[in-house]
Protein backbone atom coordinates (compact mmCIF):
# COMPACT_ATOMS: atom_id res chain seq x y z
CA MET A 1 62.75 107.32 111.55
CA PRO A 2 64.20 108.04 108.08
CA ARG A 3 63.15 111.28 106.37
CA PRO A 4 60.83 110.91 103.35
CA GLY A 5 62.89 110.15 100.28
CA SER A 6 65.98 109.12 102.25
CA PRO A 7 67.52 105.68 101.60
CA PRO A 8 66.55 102.88 103.98
CA PRO A 9 68.93 102.28 106.89
CA LEU A 10 71.75 99.84 106.22
CA ARG A 11 71.36 96.42 107.84
CA TRP A 12 74.78 95.44 109.16
CA PRO A 13 75.69 91.78 109.90
CA ALA A 14 77.11 92.67 113.33
CA GLU A 15 75.76 89.63 115.19
CA GLN A 16 76.89 87.23 112.47
CA LEU A 17 80.38 88.75 112.40
CA TRP A 18 80.63 88.61 116.18
CA GLN A 19 79.67 84.92 116.23
CA THR A 20 82.23 84.18 113.51
CA VAL A 21 85.15 86.01 115.09
CA VAL A 22 84.72 85.71 118.87
CA PRO A 23 85.99 82.08 119.02
CA TRP A 24 89.37 83.34 117.75
CA LEU A 25 89.31 86.66 119.64
CA PRO A 26 87.69 86.40 123.10
CA GLY A 27 86.21 89.73 124.13
CA PHE A 28 85.73 90.77 120.49
CA SER A 29 82.96 93.28 119.71
CA VAL A 30 81.44 94.90 116.63
CA GLU A 31 80.37 98.54 116.69
CA ILE A 32 78.46 100.39 113.97
CA LEU A 33 78.47 104.20 114.10
CA PRO A 34 76.49 106.45 111.74
CA GLU A 35 79.26 109.07 111.73
CA ILE A 36 82.67 109.69 113.29
CA ASP A 37 85.72 111.76 112.50
CA SER A 38 87.89 108.73 111.79
CA SER A 39 87.50 105.12 112.90
CA ASN A 40 91.29 104.81 113.13
CA SER A 41 91.54 107.95 115.25
CA GLU A 42 88.82 106.70 117.59
CA LEU A 43 90.51 103.34 118.20
CA MET A 44 93.88 105.03 118.69
CA ARG A 45 92.30 107.32 121.30
CA ARG A 46 90.80 104.33 123.08
CA ALA A 47 94.08 102.40 123.03
CA ARG A 48 95.98 105.34 124.53
CA ALA A 49 93.34 105.44 127.28
CA GLY A 50 93.96 101.76 128.04
CA ARG A 51 91.02 100.25 126.11
CA THR A 52 92.67 97.48 124.11
CA GLU A 53 89.92 94.90 123.73
CA PRO A 54 89.61 93.56 120.15
CA VAL A 55 87.01 95.48 118.18
CA LEU A 56 85.69 96.05 114.67
CA LEU A 57 84.51 99.65 114.37
CA VAL A 58 82.45 100.47 111.28
CA ALA A 59 81.60 104.04 110.31
CA GLU A 60 78.84 104.75 107.81
CA HIS A 61 80.41 108.16 107.29
CA GLN A 62 83.80 109.57 108.29
CA SER A 63 84.18 113.34 108.42
CA ALA A 64 87.98 113.24 108.73
CA GLY A 65 89.07 109.88 107.37
CA ARG A 66 92.83 109.51 106.95
CA GLY A 67 95.08 107.72 104.52
CA ARG A 68 98.79 107.12 104.35
CA MET A 69 101.13 110.13 104.71
CA GLY A 70 98.33 112.25 106.17
CA ARG A 71 96.16 112.21 103.05
CA GLN A 72 92.44 112.58 103.52
CA TRP A 73 90.16 109.62 102.74
CA HIS A 74 86.77 110.77 101.45
CA SER A 75 83.77 108.61 102.31
CA ALA A 76 80.06 108.93 101.74
CA PRO A 77 77.24 106.88 103.28
CA GLY A 78 76.36 103.98 100.99
CA SER A 79 79.05 104.65 98.40
CA SER A 80 81.97 103.36 100.44
CA LEU A 81 82.82 100.98 103.25
CA THR A 82 85.08 102.31 106.00
CA PHE A 83 86.07 100.38 109.10
CA SER A 84 88.94 99.78 111.50
CA LEU A 85 89.97 96.53 113.15
CA GLY A 86 91.76 96.94 116.47
CA LEU A 87 93.55 94.13 118.29
CA ALA A 88 96.71 93.40 120.27
CA LEU A 89 99.40 91.69 118.19
CA GLU A 90 102.83 90.21 118.92
CA PRO A 91 104.35 89.15 115.57
CA ALA A 92 108.05 88.35 115.49
CA ASP A 93 108.37 90.81 112.58
CA TRP A 94 105.84 93.48 111.59
CA SER A 95 107.21 93.78 108.04
CA GLY A 96 104.53 93.19 105.41
CA LEU A 97 101.43 93.50 107.62
CA SER A 98 99.76 96.05 105.33
CA LEU A 99 100.43 93.76 102.35
CA ALA A 100 99.03 90.73 104.18
CA VAL A 101 95.90 92.80 104.86
CA GLY A 102 95.83 93.72 101.17
CA VAL A 103 96.09 90.08 100.12
CA SER A 104 93.19 89.13 102.37
CA LEU A 105 90.97 91.94 101.13
CA ALA A 106 91.86 91.46 97.46
CA GLU A 107 91.04 87.75 97.60
CA SER A 108 87.73 88.32 99.38
CA LEU A 109 86.66 91.15 97.07
CA SER A 110 87.64 89.22 93.96
CA HIS A 111 85.65 86.20 95.14
CA LEU A 112 82.64 88.36 95.96
CA SER A 113 82.53 90.42 92.79
CA GLY A 114 84.34 88.40 90.16
CA ALA A 115 86.67 91.36 89.61
CA ASP A 116 90.45 91.07 89.34
CA VAL A 117 91.43 93.10 92.41
CA ARG A 118 95.17 93.68 92.65
CA ILE A 119 97.57 95.11 95.22
CA LYS A 120 99.79 98.16 94.74
CA TRP A 121 102.70 98.14 97.18
CA PRO A 122 102.62 99.05 99.99
CA ASN A 123 98.97 99.58 100.97
CA ASP A 124 96.48 100.13 98.13
CA LEU A 125 94.08 97.93 96.18
CA TRP A 126 93.63 98.64 92.50
CA LEU A 127 90.90 97.71 90.03
CA GLY A 128 92.02 98.23 86.46
CA SER A 129 94.18 101.37 86.57
CA GLY A 130 92.34 103.01 89.47
CA LYS A 131 92.57 102.98 93.26
CA LEU A 132 89.79 100.87 94.75
CA ALA A 133 90.79 100.82 98.42
CA GLY A 134 93.35 102.07 100.89
CA ILE A 135 94.83 100.56 104.05
CA LEU A 136 96.23 102.52 107.01
CA ILE A 137 97.90 100.69 109.91
CA GLU A 138 98.82 102.42 113.15
CA THR A 139 100.04 100.96 116.45
CA VAL A 140 100.18 101.88 120.13
CA SER A 141 102.50 100.30 122.68
CA THR A 142 100.61 98.45 125.42
CA GLY A 143 103.57 97.01 127.32
CA ALA A 144 104.45 93.49 126.25
CA SER A 145 102.60 93.82 122.95
CA ARG A 146 101.32 96.53 120.64
CA PHE A 147 97.73 97.39 119.82
CA ALA A 148 97.31 97.49 116.05
CA VAL A 149 94.63 99.55 114.34
CA ILE A 150 94.00 98.42 110.77
CA GLY A 151 91.94 100.97 108.86
CA VAL A 152 90.28 100.09 105.56
CA GLY A 153 88.41 102.25 103.05
CA ILE A 154 86.79 100.63 99.99
CA ASN A 155 85.02 102.46 97.16
CA LEU A 156 81.80 100.57 96.43
CA HIS A 157 79.79 102.81 94.12
CA GLU A 158 80.47 105.91 92.11
CA PRO A 159 79.86 108.80 94.53
CA ALA A 160 77.74 111.78 93.58
CA TRP A 161 80.84 113.90 94.17
CA ARG A 162 84.36 112.67 93.70
CA PRO A 163 87.51 114.33 95.00
CA PRO A 164 90.39 114.97 92.60
CA ALA A 165 92.51 111.97 91.71
CA SER A 166 94.98 110.91 94.39
CA PRO A 167 98.15 113.03 94.35
CA SER A 168 101.10 111.27 92.80
CA ALA A 169 104.77 111.17 93.61
CA ALA A 170 107.62 112.72 91.67
CA GLY A 171 105.40 114.19 88.96
CA ALA A 172 103.76 110.95 87.82
CA ASP A 173 100.19 111.02 86.57
CA PRO A 174 97.49 111.18 89.29
CA VAL A 175 95.73 107.94 90.16
CA PRO A 176 91.98 108.00 89.48
CA ALA A 177 89.43 106.34 91.72
CA ALA A 178 87.85 102.98 90.93
CA TRP A 179 84.79 101.44 92.54
CA LEU A 180 83.57 97.92 92.99
CA ALA A 181 79.98 97.93 91.69
CA GLY A 182 78.63 99.23 88.42
CA ALA A 183 80.19 100.13 85.09
CA THR A 184 83.11 102.57 85.02
CA PRO A 185 85.74 103.40 82.43
CA LEU A 186 88.13 101.35 84.55
CA ASN A 187 86.32 98.05 84.98
CA ALA A 188 83.56 95.95 83.46
CA PRO A 189 79.98 96.11 84.82
CA LEU A 190 79.67 94.27 88.11
CA ASP A 191 76.79 93.64 90.46
CA ALA A 192 75.40 97.09 91.26
CA ARG A 193 73.46 95.62 94.20
CA LEU A 194 76.63 95.22 96.28
CA ASP A 195 76.28 97.29 99.42
CA ALA A 196 78.50 98.09 102.39
CA PRO A 197 77.02 95.50 104.80
CA GLU A 198 77.36 92.72 102.22
CA VAL A 199 80.96 93.64 101.48
CA LEU A 200 81.79 93.88 105.18
CA GLY A 201 80.34 90.42 105.75
CA ALA A 202 82.46 89.08 102.90
CA VAL A 203 85.79 90.54 104.04
CA ALA A 204 85.81 90.93 107.84
CA GLY A 205 86.00 87.31 109.02
CA ALA A 206 88.73 86.40 106.54
CA LEU A 207 90.63 89.55 107.48
CA VAL A 208 90.71 88.61 111.17
CA ARG A 209 91.85 85.07 110.32
CA ASP A 210 94.60 86.37 108.06
CA VAL A 211 95.85 88.96 110.56
CA LEU A 212 96.13 86.24 113.22
CA HIS A 213 97.86 84.00 110.66
CA PHE A 214 100.32 86.83 109.96
CA GLU A 215 101.00 87.15 113.69
CA ARG A 216 101.97 83.45 113.81
CA GLU A 217 103.71 82.98 110.46
CA GLY A 218 104.78 86.42 109.24
CA TRP A 219 105.03 87.80 105.71
CA GLY A 220 106.46 84.59 104.25
CA ALA A 221 103.07 82.90 104.50
CA PHE A 222 101.52 85.61 102.30
CA ALA A 223 104.24 86.20 99.71
CA PRO A 224 103.00 83.44 97.32
CA ARG A 225 99.46 84.84 97.54
CA PHE A 226 100.67 88.38 96.87
CA ALA A 227 102.78 87.64 93.78
CA PRO A 228 99.95 87.07 91.24
CA ARG A 229 98.19 90.25 92.42
CA ASP A 230 101.27 92.52 92.32
CA VAL A 231 100.33 95.62 90.26
CA LEU A 232 103.89 96.92 89.98
CA ARG A 233 105.91 93.83 89.09
CA GLY A 234 107.52 94.16 85.66
CA ARG A 235 106.48 97.81 85.28
CA SER A 236 108.58 100.95 85.18
CA VAL A 237 108.21 102.93 88.37
CA ARG A 238 109.33 106.30 89.65
CA LEU A 239 110.21 106.86 93.29
CA SER A 240 109.51 110.05 95.20
CA ASP A 241 113.22 110.67 95.71
CA GLY A 242 113.76 110.88 91.94
CA ARG A 243 115.02 107.35 91.27
CA SER A 244 113.33 105.22 88.63
CA GLY A 245 113.60 101.66 87.45
CA LEU A 246 111.79 98.37 86.93
CA ALA A 247 109.79 96.83 89.80
CA CYS A 248 111.00 93.27 90.43
CA GLY A 249 108.69 91.99 93.14
CA LEU A 250 109.32 91.97 96.87
CA SER A 251 112.14 90.90 99.15
CA ALA A 252 111.81 88.41 102.00
CA SER A 253 111.12 91.38 104.29
CA ALA A 254 108.35 92.76 101.98
CA ALA A 255 110.51 95.62 100.66
CA LEU A 256 109.96 96.64 97.03
CA ARG A 257 112.82 95.50 94.77
CA VAL A 258 113.60 97.95 91.98
CA GLN A 259 116.14 97.46 89.18
CA THR A 260 117.81 100.87 88.86
CA ALA A 261 120.93 102.08 87.09
CA ARG A 262 122.85 101.07 90.22
CA GLY A 263 121.44 97.54 90.34
CA ILE A 264 118.69 95.96 92.43
CA GLU A 265 117.70 98.29 95.27
CA GLU A 266 115.25 97.57 98.08
CA VAL A 267 112.73 100.25 99.01
CA ASN A 268 110.97 100.25 102.39
CA SER A 269 107.42 101.52 102.80
CA GLY A 270 108.51 104.42 105.01
CA GLU A 271 110.89 105.83 102.40
CA VAL A 272 108.96 106.54 99.22
CA SER A 273 105.70 106.61 97.36
CA VAL A 274 105.54 104.74 94.08
CA ARG A 275 103.48 105.23 90.93
CA PRO A 276 103.76 103.13 87.79
CA GLN A 277 104.98 105.05 84.73
CA ASP A 278 103.30 102.78 82.18
């Protein structure tokens, strides 16, 4: 029973999501946990122990959420949505999976809120000039295929306490946080009634469909959907290895193309972090 003065418990659409997804993913389950260290870490532990059934694991609070390059992802009950989707995948080419996930989420969130959610290569969603969401993909070998864990963290409301802006690469300005609902200096007022269960219901089914579509068709099927949401295209960028130049979209393998003093260079997600300079 909730303590006096505490917010009412969140009502998650677990049954609805299960009914939507299980026809595409037999054996699929939805789990809602009030707290865990990291939903990605939990699914990676399960996969290493041989548990590779498809699952959507939602955490109302993560005590040790993780982002790319070992950065910590801060989450608070009610102010953010954090979940991990785990499933076995066998794409011909894994290149661009995080961007395909970003395309799916950006389209769903834009449709839900009316906001112009964009994608910052290789794995962030931006609203205005702030970071709205992060994506972390990890995999475990399971023999013939790999088990993919797709972690997502979305800022929904302004938290009572906010961590410092995300650290930047190569001395660029830090990236502030943005959130989906309510008025902020970064975006116009949106529907402040948006909550984590509603947002999960809006994004999860489409995400599963798009991940399975990526498995069949690869990055090429998502490139036209990514282009109009590309935050970096046409902007000056600085790379963590000291290079700088003009972002020119993505290659056929989802690498970032940058016009530098040496010509067009392709940058892979494992090599650098990127921050726009203007």
